[in-house]
Amino acid sequence: MMSALINILKKLNEFRDDRNWKQFHTAENLAKSICIEASELLENYQWGDTPVDRENLKDEVADIFCYLLMFCQANEIDLIKETFKKIKKNQKKYPKDKVYGSSKKYNQYDF
């Protein structure tokens, strides 16, 4: 998994550097781009619960992933490590025996 992420980042950096775009890839701009691409993903569900254009759906997911990887690289965040840490936090915040089958937010529980 890690070697795949490294290869993707290498390709993304080559693409960016070949176009002299690093100057535009600030943390703020990358964060904005993640949100914009997430909105474009959501647009696929604007008029129903089934996406009309599956290829567009895949493109938007890839765009979000690419921007997220670049954001993590720019901010020296180990995405894999931080994801595992977040899973552990969520396991404590949402104990399965207390929240099973519920969609409430953690602060809506009485435990």
Protein backbone atom coordinates (compact mmCIF):
# COMPACT_ATOMS: atom_id res chain seq x y z
CA MET A 1 0.00 0.00 0.00
CA MET A 2 2.71 2.46 0.99
CA SER A 3 4.72 1.85 -2.17
CA ALA A 4 1.59 2.53 -4.24
CA LEU A 5 1.10 5.86 -2.46
CA ILE A 6 4.74 6.76 -3.03
CA ASN A 7 4.43 5.93 -6.74
CA ILE A 8 1.24 8.00 -7.06
CA LEU A 9 2.89 10.96 -5.33
CA LYS A 10 5.91 10.64 -7.59
CA LYS A 11 3.65 10.78 -10.67
CA LEU A 12 1.64 13.69 -9.24
CA ASN A 13 4.82 15.62 -8.45
CA GLU A 14 6.22 14.98 -11.94
CA PHE A 15 2.97 16.16 -13.51
CA ARG A 16 2.94 19.26 -11.29
CA ASP A 17 6.62 20.08 -11.77
CA ASP A 18 6.49 19.61 -15.55
CA ARG A 19 3.91 22.43 -15.59
CA ASN A 20 5.52 24.67 -12.96
CA TRP A 21 2.40 24.41 -10.78
CA LYS A 22 4.07 23.85 -7.40
CA GLN A 23 3.78 27.59 -6.80
CA PHE A 24 -0.01 27.19 -6.77
CA HIS A 25 -0.09 24.13 -4.52
CA THR A 26 -0.20 25.90 -1.18
CA ALA A 27 -1.90 24.21 1.75
CA GLU A 28 -4.81 26.64 1.41
CA ASN A 29 -5.24 26.07 -2.33
CA LEU A 30 -5.03 22.30 -1.94
CA ALA A 31 -7.62 22.38 0.87
CA LYS A 32 -9.90 24.45 -1.36
CA SER A 33 -9.39 22.00 -4.20
CA ILE A 34 -10.34 19.04 -1.99
CA CYS A 35 -13.62 20.80 -1.10
CA ILE A 36 -14.32 21.76 -4.70
CA GLU A 37 -13.74 18.23 -5.95
CA ALA A 38 -15.88 16.81 -3.11
CA SER A 39 -18.67 19.13 -4.24
CA GLU A 40 -18.26 17.87 -7.78
CA LEU A 41 -18.58 14.31 -6.43
CA LEU A 42 -21.77 15.28 -4.62
CA GLU A 43 -23.11 16.83 -7.81
CA ASN A 44 -23.44 13.29 -9.16
CA TYR A 45 -26.21 12.75 -6.60
CA GLN A 46 -27.92 16.11 -7.00
CA TRP A 47 -31.14 14.72 -8.47
CA GLY A 48 -31.21 11.22 -7.04
CA ASP A 49 -29.37 8.55 -5.12
CA THR A 50 -27.81 6.87 -8.16
CA PRO A 51 -25.05 8.61 -10.12
CA VAL A 52 -25.90 9.16 -13.76
CA ASP A 53 -22.30 9.18 -15.00
CA ARG A 54 -20.21 6.46 -13.35
CA GLU A 55 -17.03 7.54 -15.16
CA ASN A 56 -17.42 11.05 -13.75
CA LEU A 57 -17.93 9.56 -10.30
CA LYS A 58 -14.61 7.71 -10.61
CA ASP A 59 -12.86 10.85 -11.90
CA GLU A 60 -14.07 12.92 -8.97
CA VAL A 61 -12.99 10.30 -6.41
CA ALA A 62 -9.53 10.21 -8.00
CA ASP A 63 -9.33 14.02 -7.98
CA ILE A 64 -10.16 14.13 -4.26
CA PHE A 65 -7.59 11.43 -3.52
CA CYS A 66 -4.87 13.20 -5.52
CA TYR A 67 -5.46 16.55 -3.86
CA LEU A 68 -5.57 14.89 -0.43
CA LEU A 69 -2.24 13.18 -1.05
CA MET A 70 -0.68 16.45 -2.19
CA PHE A 71 -2.15 18.27 0.82
CA CYS A 72 -0.68 15.68 3.19
CA GLN A 73 2.69 15.88 1.47
CA ALA A 74 2.70 19.70 1.65
CA ASN A 75 1.85 19.57 5.37
CA GLU A 76 4.08 16.62 6.25
CA ILE A 77 1.13 14.47 7.34
CA ASP A 78 1.48 10.70 7.24
CA LEU A 79 -1.98 9.89 5.89
CA ILE A 80 -1.84 6.19 6.74
CA LYS A 81 -0.61 6.74 10.29
CA GLU A 82 -3.14 9.52 10.96
CA THR A 83 -5.97 7.43 9.54
CA PHE A 84 -5.20 4.58 11.94
CA LYS A 85 -5.02 7.07 14.83
CA LYS A 86 -8.42 8.47 13.84
CA ILE A 87 -9.95 4.99 13.69
CA LYS A 88 -8.76 4.38 17.27
CA LYS A 89 -10.20 7.73 18.40
CA ASN A 90 -13.53 6.89 16.79
CA GLN A 91 -13.59 3.47 18.43
CA LYS A 92 -13.35 5.19 21.82
CA LYS A 93 -15.78 7.95 20.88
CA TYR A 94 -18.35 5.50 19.49
CA PRO A 95 -18.25 2.26 21.54
CA LYS A 96 -19.99 -0.39 19.46
CA ASP A 97 -22.07 -1.71 22.34
CA LYS A 98 -23.50 1.79 22.91
CA VAL A 99 -23.99 3.12 19.38
CA TYR A 100 -24.80 0.03 17.33
CA GLY A 101 -27.30 0.91 14.59
CA SER A 102 -27.51 4.60 15.51
CA SER A 103 -26.42 7.59 13.42
CA LYS A 104 -26.30 10.07 16.28
CA LYS A 105 -23.24 12.24 16.71
CA TYR A 106 -21.01 11.38 19.69
CA ASN A 107 -22.20 14.40 21.69
CA GLN A 108 -25.83 13.26 21.45
CA TYR A 109 -25.28 10.17 23.61
CA ASP A 110 -25.76 9.92 27.37
CA PHE A 111 -22.71 7.85 28.27
